[in-house]
């Protein structure tokens, strides 16, 4: 099988929330947002175009994630996972 390579870029935005004393830790959490969760690979293999889909996965502690956002509680650190899947069909989040 031939080796394939492709350059892919995803944009991330850092969102700094305004902290309010009456908000929960989740509501005051700052977060990183993926501007798009799908990128077209610039490599075509056997006539097929492929797509790379990424999303945030589980978070160990002090935060939470959604498909396109990774939240960290104020004044804390958190670790999480980033999941990537290569498909022939583009995917759009619900």
PDB file of N, CA and C in Angstrom:
ATOM      1  N   UNK A   1       0.850  -1.163   0.000  1.00  0.00           N
ATOM      2  CA  UNK A   1       0.000   0.000   0.000  1.00  0.00           C
ATOM      3  C   UNK A   1       0.908   1.241   0.000  1.00  0.00           C
ATOM      4  N   UNK A   2       0.632   2.203  -0.852  1.00  0.00           N
ATOM      5  CA  UNK A   2       1.465   3.412  -0.905  1.00  0.00           C
ATOM      6  C   UNK A   2       1.260   4.278   0.329  1.00  0.00           C
ATOM      7  N   UNK A   3       2.310   4.985   0.697  1.00  0.00           N
ATOM      8  CA  UNK A   3       2.218   5.906   1.824  1.00  0.00           C
ATOM      9  C   UNK A   3       1.562   7.200   1.356  1.00  0.00           C
ATOM     10  N   UNK A   4       0.610   7.675   2.125  1.00  0.00           N
ATOM     11  CA  UNK A   4      -0.100   8.914   1.807  1.00  0.00           C
ATOM     12  C   UNK A   4       0.200   9.941   2.888  1.00  0.00           C
ATOM     13  N   UNK A   5       0.258  11.196   2.506  1.00  0.00           N
ATOM     14  CA  UNK A   5       0.423  12.254   3.501  1.00  0.00           C
ATOM     15  C   UNK A   5      -0.436  13.437   3.100  1.00  0.00           C
ATOM     16  N   UNK A   6      -0.798  14.214   4.095  1.00  0.00           N
ATOM     17  CA  UNK A   6      -1.653  15.364   3.849  1.00  0.00           C
ATOM     18  C   UNK A   6      -1.474  16.361   4.982  1.00  0.00           C
ATOM     19  N   UNK A   7      -1.470  17.632   4.662  1.00  0.00           N
ATOM     20  CA  UNK A   7      -1.429  18.675   5.685  1.00  0.00           C
ATOM     21  C   UNK A   7      -2.851  19.117   5.988  1.00  0.00           C
ATOM     22  N   UNK A   8      -3.179  19.191   7.263  1.00  0.00           N
ATOM     23  CA  UNK A   8      -4.515  19.592   7.688  1.00  0.00           C
ATOM     24  C   UNK A   8      -4.362  20.629   8.790  1.00  0.00           C
ATOM     25  N   UNK A   9      -5.191  21.671   8.739  1.00  0.00           N
ATOM     26  CA  UNK A   9      -5.152  22.700   9.773  1.00  0.00           C
ATOM     27  C   UNK A   9      -6.551  22.901  10.345  1.00  0.00           C
ATOM     28  N   UNK A  10      -6.623  23.044  11.644  1.00  0.00           N
ATOM     29  CA  UNK A  10      -7.867  23.353  12.336  1.00  0.00           C
ATOM     30  C   UNK A  10      -7.640  24.620  13.143  1.00  0.00           C
ATOM     31  N   UNK A  11      -8.611  25.517  13.141  1.00  0.00           N
ATOM     32  CA  UNK A  11      -8.510  26.754  13.911  1.00  0.00           C
ATOM     33  C   UNK A  11      -9.150  26.567  15.280  1.00  0.00           C
ATOM     34  N   UNK A  12      -8.470  27.089  16.298  1.00  0.00           N
ATOM     35  CA  UNK A  12      -8.976  27.045  17.662  1.00  0.00           C
ATOM     36  C   UNK A  12      -9.162  28.467  18.170  1.00  0.00           C
ATOM     37  N   UNK A  13     -10.223  28.692  18.897  1.00  0.00           N
ATOM     38  CA  UNK A  13     -10.447  29.991  19.512  1.00  0.00           C
ATOM     39  C   UNK A  13     -10.467  29.846  21.021  1.00  0.00           C
ATOM     40  N   UNK A  14      -9.816  30.754  21.732  1.00  0.00           N
ATOM     41  CA  UNK A  14      -9.825  30.753  23.195  1.00  0.00           C
ATOM     42  C   UNK A  14     -10.884  31.740  23.665  1.00  0.00           C
ATOM     43  N   UNK A  15     -11.854  31.252  24.419  1.00  0.00           N
ATOM     44  CA  UNK A  15     -12.961  32.070  24.898  1.00  0.00           C
ATOM     45  C   UNK A  15     -12.795  32.272  26.404  1.00  0.00           C
ATOM     46  N   UNK A  16     -12.621  33.520  26.805  1.00  0.00           N
ATOM     47  CA  UNK A  16     -12.473  33.869  28.214  1.00  0.00           C
ATOM     48  C   UNK A  16     -13.818  34.374  28.703  1.00  0.00           C
ATOM     49  N   UNK A  17     -14.463  33.620  29.570  1.00  0.00           N
ATOM     50  CA  UNK A  17     -15.787  34.002  30.054  1.00  0.00           C
ATOM     51  C   UNK A  17     -15.691  35.034  31.163  1.00  0.00           C
ATOM     52  N   UNK A  18     -16.737  35.819  31.308  1.00  0.00           N
ATOM     53  CA  UNK A  18     -16.844  36.766  32.422  1.00  0.00           C
ATOM     54  C   UNK A  18     -17.311  35.961  33.630  1.00  0.00           C
ATOM     55  N   UNK A  19     -16.533  36.006  34.707  1.00  0.00           N
ATOM     56  CA  UNK A  19     -16.866  35.230  35.900  1.00  0.00           C
ATOM     57  C   UNK A  19     -17.835  36.003  36.786  1.00  0.00           C
ATOM     58  N   UNK A  20     -18.894  35.340  37.159  1.00  0.00           N
ATOM     59  CA  UNK A  20     -19.903  35.916  38.048  1.00  0.00           C
ATOM     60  C   UNK A  20     -19.999  35.037  39.294  1.00  0.00           C
ATOM     61  N   UNK A  21     -20.121  35.649  40.463  1.00  0.00           N
ATOM     62  CA  UNK A  21     -20.127  34.869  41.708  1.00  0.00           C
ATOM     63  C   UNK A  21     -21.340  33.947  41.818  1.00  0.00           C
ATOM     64  N   UNK A  22     -22.433  34.272  41.137  1.00  0.00           N
ATOM     65  CA  UNK A  22     -23.635  33.448  41.215  1.00  0.00           C
ATOM     66  C   UNK A  22     -23.647  32.326  40.171  1.00  0.00           C
ATOM     67  N   UNK A  23     -22.644  32.278  39.280  1.00  0.00           N
ATOM     68  CA  UNK A  23     -22.552  31.213  38.276  1.00  0.00           C
ATOM     69  C   UNK A  23     -21.930  29.962  38.862  1.00  0.00           C
ATOM     70  N   UNK A  24     -22.188  28.838  38.230  1.00  0.00           N
ATOM     71  CA  UNK A  24     -21.543  27.582  38.609  1.00  0.00           C
ATOM     72  C   UNK A  24     -20.122  27.565  38.054  1.00  0.00           C
ATOM     73  N   UNK A  25     -19.312  26.615  38.514  1.00  0.00           N
ATOM     74  CA  UNK A  25     -17.949  26.458  37.996  1.00  0.00           C
ATOM     75  C   UNK A  25     -17.983  26.202  36.494  1.00  0.00           C
ATOM     76  N   UNK A  26     -18.960  25.424  36.014  1.00  0.00           N
ATOM     77  CA  UNK A  26     -19.078  25.155  34.572  1.00  0.00           C
ATOM     78  C   UNK A  26     -19.399  26.438  33.798  1.00  0.00           C
ATOM     79  N   UNK A  27     -20.271  27.287  34.338  1.00  0.00           N
ATOM     80  CA  UNK A  27     -20.630  28.523  33.648  1.00  0.00           C
ATOM     81  C   UNK A  27     -19.473  29.516  33.609  1.00  0.00           C
ATOM     82  N   UNK A  28     -18.595  29.512  34.600  1.00  0.00           N
ATOM     83  CA  UNK A  28     -17.451  30.418  34.646  1.00  0.00           C
ATOM     84  C   UNK A  28     -16.222  29.870  33.925  1.00  0.00           C
ATOM     85  N   UNK A  29     -16.296  28.656  33.434  1.00  0.00           N
ATOM     86  CA  UNK A  29     -15.137  28.014  32.807  1.00  0.00           C
ATOM     87  C   UNK A  29     -14.763  28.704  31.496  1.00  0.00           C
ATOM     88  N   UNK A  30     -13.470  28.943  31.319  1.00  0.00           N
ATOM     89  CA  UNK A  30     -12.956  29.405  30.028  1.00  0.00           C
ATOM     90  C   UNK A  30     -12.851  28.184  29.124  1.00  0.00           C
ATOM     91  N   UNK A  31     -12.838  28.401  27.794  1.00  0.00           N
ATOM     92  CA  UNK A  31     -12.800  27.231  26.930  1.00  0.00           C
ATOM     93  C   UNK A  31     -12.119  27.512  25.594  1.00  0.00           C
ATOM     94  N   UNK A  32     -11.741  26.420  24.970  1.00  0.00           N
ATOM     95  CA  UNK A  32     -11.187  26.432  23.625  1.00  0.00           C
ATOM     96  C   UNK A  32     -12.260  25.867  22.708  1.00  0.00           C
ATOM     97  N   UNK A  33     -12.475  26.526  21.568  1.00  0.00           N
ATOM     98  CA  UNK A  33     -13.498  26.068  20.626  1.00  0.00           C
ATOM     99  C   UNK A  33     -12.878  25.795  19.269  1.00  0.00           C
ATOM    100  N   UNK A  34     -13.223  24.637  18.703  1.00  0.00           N
ATOM    101  CA  UNK A  34     -12.846  24.326  17.328  1.00  0.00           C
ATOM    102  C   UNK A  34     -13.774  25.098  16.411  1.00  0.00           C
ATOM    103  N   UNK A  35     -13.225  25.882  15.487  1.00  0.00           N
ATOM    104  CA  UNK A  35     -14.069  26.649  14.575  1.00  0.00           C
ATOM    105  C   UNK A  35     -14.742  25.741  13.553  1.00  0.00           C
ATOM    106  N   UNK A  36     -14.123  24.605  13.236  1.00  0.00           N
ATOM    107  CA  UNK A  36     -14.719  23.593  12.372  1.00  0.00           C
ATOM    108  C   UNK A  36     -14.213  22.242  12.837  1.00  0.00           C
ATOM    109  N   UNK A  37     -15.073  21.240  12.825  1.00  0.00           N
ATOM    110  CA  UNK A  37     -14.664  19.910  13.267  1.00  0.00           C
ATOM    111  C   UNK A  37     -14.344  18.976  12.102  1.00  0.00           C
ATOM    112  N   UNK A  38     -14.463  19.468  10.859  1.00  0.00           N
ATOM    113  CA  UNK A  38     -14.196  18.641   9.680  1.00  0.00           C
ATOM    114  C   UNK A  38     -13.256  19.388   8.747  1.00  0.00           C
ATOM    115  N   UNK A  39     -12.266  18.673   8.224  1.00  0.00           N
ATOM    116  CA  UNK A  39     -11.368  19.230   7.226  1.00  0.00           C
ATOM    117  C   UNK A  39     -11.210  18.226   6.095  1.00  0.00           C
ATOM    118  N   UNK A  40     -11.208  18.704   4.870  1.00  0.00           N
ATOM    119  CA  UNK A  40     -10.993  17.831   3.724  1.00  0.00           C
ATOM    120  C   UNK A  40      -9.502  17.586   3.569  1.00  0.00           C
ATOM    121  N   UNK A  41      -9.108  16.328   3.483  1.00  0.00           N
ATOM    122  CA  UNK A  41      -7.713  15.997   3.243  1.00  0.00           C
ATOM    123  C   UNK A  41      -7.386  16.334   1.798  1.00  0.00           C
ATOM    124  N   UNK A  42      -6.178  16.812   1.539  1.00  0.00           N
ATOM    125  CA  UNK A  42      -5.835  17.175   0.169  1.00  0.00           C
ATOM    126  C   UNK A  42      -5.277  15.989  -0.621  1.00  0.00           C
ATOM    127  N   UNK A  43      -5.402  14.785  -0.071  1.00  0.00           N
ATOM    128  CA  UNK A  43      -4.961  13.573  -0.751  1.00  0.00           C
ATOM    129  C   UNK A  43      -6.180  12.799  -1.226  1.00  0.00           C
ATOM    130  N   UNK A  44      -6.194  12.415  -2.475  1.00  0.00           N
ATOM    131  CA  UNK A  44      -7.247  11.559  -3.019  1.00  0.00           C
ATOM    132  C   UNK A  44      -6.627  10.189  -3.228  1.00  0.00           C
ATOM    133  N   UNK A  45      -7.282   9.142  -2.743  1.00  0.00           N
ATOM    134  CA  UNK A  45      -6.771   7.782  -2.859  1.00  0.00           C
ATOM    135  C   UNK A  45      -7.787   6.929  -3.601  1.00  0.00           C
ATOM    136  N   UNK A  46      -7.356   6.305  -4.687  1.00  0.00           N
ATOM    137  CA  UNK A  46      -8.222   5.470  -5.526  1.00  0.00           C
ATOM    138  C   UNK A  46      -9.494   6.219  -5.926  1.00  0.00           C
ATOM    139  N   UNK A  47      -9.339   7.503  -6.249  1.00  0.00           N
ATOM    140  CA  UNK A  47     -10.459   8.314  -6.712  1.00  0.00           C
ATOM    141  C   UNK A  47     -11.396   8.796  -5.624  1.00  0.00           C
ATOM    142  N   UNK A  48     -11.098   8.509  -4.362  1.00  0.00           N
ATOM    143  CA  UNK A  48     -11.960   8.909  -3.249  1.00  0.00           C
ATOM    144  C   UNK A  48     -11.349  10.094  -2.494  1.00  0.00           C
ATOM    145  N   UNK A  49     -12.188  11.058  -2.116  1.00  0.00           N
ATOM    146  CA  UNK A  49     -11.775  12.156  -1.257  1.00  0.00           C
ATOM    147  C   UNK A  49     -12.044  11.741   0.181  1.00  0.00           C
ATOM    148  N   UNK A  50     -11.100  12.047   1.061  1.00  0.00           N
ATOM    149  CA  UNK A  50     -11.241  11.691   2.467  1.00  0.00           C
ATOM    150  C   UNK A  50     -11.330  12.938   3.329  1.00  0.00           C
ATOM    151  N   UNK A  51     -11.949  12.779   4.493  1.00  0.00           N
ATOM    152  CA  UNK A  51     -12.170  13.867   5.435  1.00  0.00           C
ATOM    153  C   UNK A  51     -11.597  13.484   6.792  1.00  0.00           C
ATOM    154  N   UNK A  52     -11.023  14.443   7.481  1.00  0.00           N
ATOM    155  CA  UNK A  52     -10.571  14.241   8.847  1.00  0.00           C
ATOM    156  C   UNK A  52     -11.538  14.974   9.752  1.00  0.00           C
ATOM    157  N   UNK A  53     -12.126  14.229  10.670  1.00  0.00           N
ATOM    158  CA  UNK A  53     -13.057  14.802  11.637  1.00  0.00           C
ATOM    159  C   UNK A  53     -12.383  14.749  13.004  1.00  0.00           C
ATOM    160  N   UNK A  54     -12.420  15.847  13.742  1.00  0.00           N
ATOM    161  CA  UNK A  54     -11.884  15.832  15.099  1.00  0.00           C
ATOM    162  C   UNK A  54     -12.939  16.341  16.064  1.00  0.00           C
ATOM    163  N   UNK A  55     -12.820  15.896  17.294  1.00  0.00           N
ATOM    164  CA  UNK A  55     -13.725  16.355  18.346  1.00  0.00           C
ATOM    165  C   UNK A  55     -13.033  16.152  19.687  1.00  0.00           C
ATOM    166  N   UNK A  56     -13.481  16.910  20.664  1.00  0.00           N
ATOM    167  CA  UNK A  56     -12.970  16.732  22.011  1.00  0.00           C
ATOM    168  C   UNK A  56     -13.645  15.519  22.628  1.00  0.00           C
ATOM    169  N   UNK A  57     -12.874  14.759  23.382  1.00  0.00           N
ATOM    170  CA  UNK A  57     -13.395  13.575  24.069  1.00  0.00           C
ATOM    171  C   UNK A  57     -13.515  13.820  25.561  1.00  0.00           C
ATOM    172  N   UNK A  58     -13.204  12.807  26.329  1.00  0.00           N
ATOM    173  CA  UNK A  58     -13.366  12.880  27.775  1.00  0.00           C
ATOM    174  C   UNK A  58     -12.382  13.847  28.421  1.00  0.00           C
ATOM    175  N   UNK A  59     -12.759  14.349  29.577  1.00  0.00           N
ATOM    176  CA  UNK A  59     -11.928  15.266  30.362  1.00  0.00           C
ATOM    177  C   UNK A  59     -11.665  14.593  31.702  1.00  0.00           C
ATOM    178  N   UNK A  60     -10.403  14.603  32.161  1.00  0.00           N
ATOM    179  CA  UNK A  60     -10.027  13.902  33.392  1.00  0.00           C
ATOM    180  C   UNK A  60     -10.669  14.545  34.626  1.00  0.00           C
ATOM    181  N   UNK A  61     -10.559  15.855  34.785  1.00  0.00           N
ATOM    182  CA  UNK A  61     -11.153  16.551  35.939  1.00  0.00           C
ATOM    183  C   UNK A  61     -11.065  18.057  35.713  1.00  0.00           C
ATOM    184  N   UNK A  62     -11.743  18.810  36.542  1.00  0.00           N
ATOM    185  CA  UNK A  62     -11.712  20.277  36.524  1.00  0.00           C
ATOM    186  C   UNK A  62     -12.196  20.889  35.220  1.00  0.00           C
ATOM    187  N   UNK A  63     -13.083  20.214  34.526  1.00  0.00           N
ATOM    188  CA  UNK A  63     -13.624  20.755  33.285  1.00  0.00           C
ATOM    189  C   UNK A  63     -14.596  19.787  32.647  1.00  0.00           C
ATOM    190  N   UNK A  64     -14.959  20.091  31.419  1.00  0.00           N
ATOM    191  CA  UNK A  64     -15.842  19.215  30.647  1.00  0.00           C
ATOM    192  C   UNK A  64     -15.675  19.561  29.177  1.00  0.00           C
ATOM    193  N   UNK A  65     -16.212  18.708  28.314  1.00  0.00           N
ATOM    194  CA  UNK A  65     -16.101  18.970  26.881  1.00  0.00           C
ATOM    195  C   UNK A  65     -17.411  18.673  26.183  1.00  0.00           C
ATOM    196  N   UNK A  66     -17.556  19.311  25.022  1.00  0.00           N
ATOM    197  CA  UNK A  66     -18.619  18.990  24.075  1.00  0.00           C
ATOM    198  C   UNK A  66     -17.891  18.585  22.796  1.00  0.00           C
ATOM    199  N   UNK A  67     -18.586  18.366  21.723  1.00  0.00           N
ATOM    200  CA  UNK A  67     -17.939  17.965  20.481  1.00  0.00           C
ATOM    201  C   UNK A  67     -16.888  18.982  20.058  1.00  0.00           C
ATOM    202  N   UNK A  68     -17.233  20.273  20.135  1.00  0.00           N
ATOM    203  CA  UNK A  68     -16.318  21.295  19.616  1.00  0.00           C
ATOM    204  C   UNK A  68     -15.764  22.252  20.667  1.00  0.00           C
ATOM    205  N   UNK A  69     -15.969  21.947  21.971  1.00  0.00           N
ATOM    206  CA  UNK A  69     -15.467  22.827  23.026  1.00  0.00           C
ATOM    207  C   UNK A  69     -14.822  22.022  24.152  1.00  0.00           C
ATOM    208  N   UNK A  70     -13.731  22.589  24.718  1.00  0.00           N
ATOM    209  CA  UNK A  70     -13.035  22.011  25.857  1.00  0.00           C
ATOM    210  C   UNK A  70     -12.985  23.075  26.941  1.00  0.00           C
ATOM    211  N   UNK A  71     -13.712  22.862  28.045  1.00  0.00           N
ATOM    212  CA  UNK A  71     -13.865  23.841  29.126  1.00  0.00           C
ATOM    213  C   UNK A  71     -12.970  23.478  30.307  1.00  0.00           C
ATOM    214  N   UNK A  72     -12.356  24.512  30.902  1.00  0.00           N
ATOM    215  CA  UNK A  72     -11.527  24.334  32.096  1.00  0.00           C
ATOM    216  C   UNK A  72     -12.024  25.301  33.167  1.00  0.00           C
ATOM    217  N   UNK A  73     -12.269  24.757  34.368  1.00  0.00           N
ATOM    218  CA  UNK A  73     -12.757  25.591  35.468  1.00  0.00           C
ATOM    219  C   UNK A  73     -11.746  26.678  35.814  1.00  0.00           C
ATOM    220  N   UNK A  74     -12.259  27.802  36.269  1.00  0.00           N
ATOM    221  CA  UNK A  74     -11.435  28.965  36.612  1.00  0.00           C
ATOM    222  C   UNK A  74     -10.383  28.598  37.657  1.00  0.00           C
ATOM    223  N   UNK A  75      -9.131  28.987  37.412  1.00  0.00           N
ATOM    224  CA  UNK A  75      -8.051  28.753  38.347  1.00  0.00           C
ATOM    225  C   UNK A  75      -7.584  27.308  38.434  1.00  0.00           C
ATOM    226  N   UNK A  76      -8.038  26.442  37.523  1.00  0.00           N
ATOM    227  CA  UNK A  76      -7.694  25.017  37.567  1.00  0.00           C
ATOM    228  C   UNK A  76      -6.964  24.608  36.299  1.00  0.00           C
ATOM    229  N   UNK A  77      -6.480  23.402  36.294  1.00  0.00           N
ATOM    230  CA  UNK A  77      -5.928  22.797  35.080  1.00  0.00           C
ATOM    231  C   UNK A  77      -6.736  21.545  34.784  1.00  0.00           C
ATOM    232  N   UNK A  78      -6.789  21.180  33.530  1.00  0.00           N
ATOM    233  CA  UNK A  78      -7.540  19.992  33.132  1.00  0.00           C
ATOM    234  C   UNK A  78      -6.847  19.340  31.947  1.00  0.00           C
ATOM    235  N   UNK A  79      -7.054  18.066  31.803  1.00  0.00           N
ATOM    236  CA  UNK A  79      -6.555  17.351  30.628  1.00  0.00           C
ATOM    237  C   UNK A  79      -7.718  16.603  30.001  1.00  0.00           C
ATOM    238  N   UNK A  80      -7.628  16.435  28.709  1.00  0.00           N
ATOM    239  CA  UNK A  80      -8.690  15.749  27.987  1.00  0.00           C
ATOM    240  C   UNK A  80      -8.142  15.092  26.748  1.00  0.00           C
ATOM    241  N   UNK A  81      -9.014  14.512  25.972  1.00  0.00           N
ATOM    242  CA  UNK A  81      -8.584  13.826  24.754  1.00  0.00           C
ATOM    243  C   UNK A  81      -9.148  14.529  23.522  1.00  0.00           C
ATOM    244  N   UNK A  82      -8.423  14.377  22.444  1.00  0.00           N
ATOM    245  CA  UNK A  82      -8.849  14.873  21.138  1.00  0.00           C
ATOM    246  C   UNK A  82      -8.931  13.651  20.240  1.00  0.00           C
ATOM    247  N   UNK A  83     -10.068  13.428  19.619  1.00  0.00           N
ATOM    248  CA  UNK A  83     -10.320  12.234  18.828  1.00  0.00           C
ATOM    249  C   UNK A  83     -10.363  12.606  17.358  1.00  0.00           C
ATOM    250  N   UNK A  84      -9.662  11.856  16.523  1.00  0.00           N
ATOM    251  CA  UNK A  84      -9.655  12.077  15.087  1.00  0.00           C
ATOM    252  C   UNK A  84     -10.095  10.836  14.342  1.00  0.00           C
ATOM    253  N   UNK A  85     -10.915  11.019  13.310  1.00  0.00           N
ATOM    254  CA  UNK A  85     -11.416   9.913  12.502  1.00  0.00           C
ATOM    255  C   UNK A  85     -11.293  10.316  11.034  1.00  0.00           C
ATOM    256  N   UNK A  86     -10.782   9.417  10.203  1.00  0.00           N
ATOM    257  CA  UNK A  86     -10.719   9.652   8.752  1.00  0.00           C
ATOM    258  C   UNK A  86     -11.857   8.871   8.106  1.00  0.00           C
ATOM    259  N   UNK A  87     -12.669   9.575   7.296  1.00  0.00           N
ATOM    260  CA  UNK A  87     -13.824   8.946   6.653  1.00  0.00           C
ATOM    261  C   UNK A  87     -13.923   9.381   5.198  1.00  0.00           C
ATOM    262  N   UNK A  88     -14.788   8.714   4.454  1.00  0.00           N
ATOM    263  CA  UNK A  88     -15.076   9.121   3.074  1.00  0.00           C
ATOM    264  C   UNK A  88     -16.323   9.992   3.008  1.00  0.00           C
ATOM    265  N   UNK A  89     -17.033  10.132   4.104  1.00  0.00           N
ATOM    266  CA  UNK A  89     -18.267  10.913   4.144  1.00  0.00           C
ATOM    267  C   UNK A  89     -18.091  12.070   5.131  1.00  0.00           C
ATOM    268  N   UNK A  90     -18.309  13.307   4.691  1.00  0.00           N
ATOM    269  CA  UNK A  90     -18.208  14.406   5.640  1.00  0.00           C
ATOM    270  C   UNK A  90     -19.287  14.315   6.704  1.00  0.00           C
ATOM    271  N   UNK A  91     -18.947  14.711   7.898  1.00  0.00           N
ATOM    272  CA  UNK A  91     -19.839  14.627   9.040  1.00  0.00           C
ATOM    273  C   UNK A  91     -20.117  16.023   9.559  1.00  0.00           C
ATOM    274  N   UNK A  92     -21.347  16.289   9.933  1.00  0.00           N
ATOM    275  CA  UNK A  92     -21.677  17.584  10.539  1.00  0.00           C
ATOM    276  C   UNK A  92     -22.296  17.323  11.906  1.00  0.00           C
ATOM    277  N   UNK A  93     -21.868  18.055  12.925  1.00  0.00           N
ATOM    278  CA  UNK A  93     -22.444  17.856  14.262  1.00  0.00           C
ATOM    279  C   UNK A  93     -23.908  18.223  14.289  1.00  0.00           C
ATOM    280  N   UNK A  94     -24.630  17.605  15.186  1.00  0.00           N
ATOM    281  CA  UNK A  94     -26.072  17.848  15.318  1.00  0.00           C
ATOM    282  C   UNK A  94     -26.330  19.141  16.031  1.00  0.00           C
TER     283      UNK A  94
END
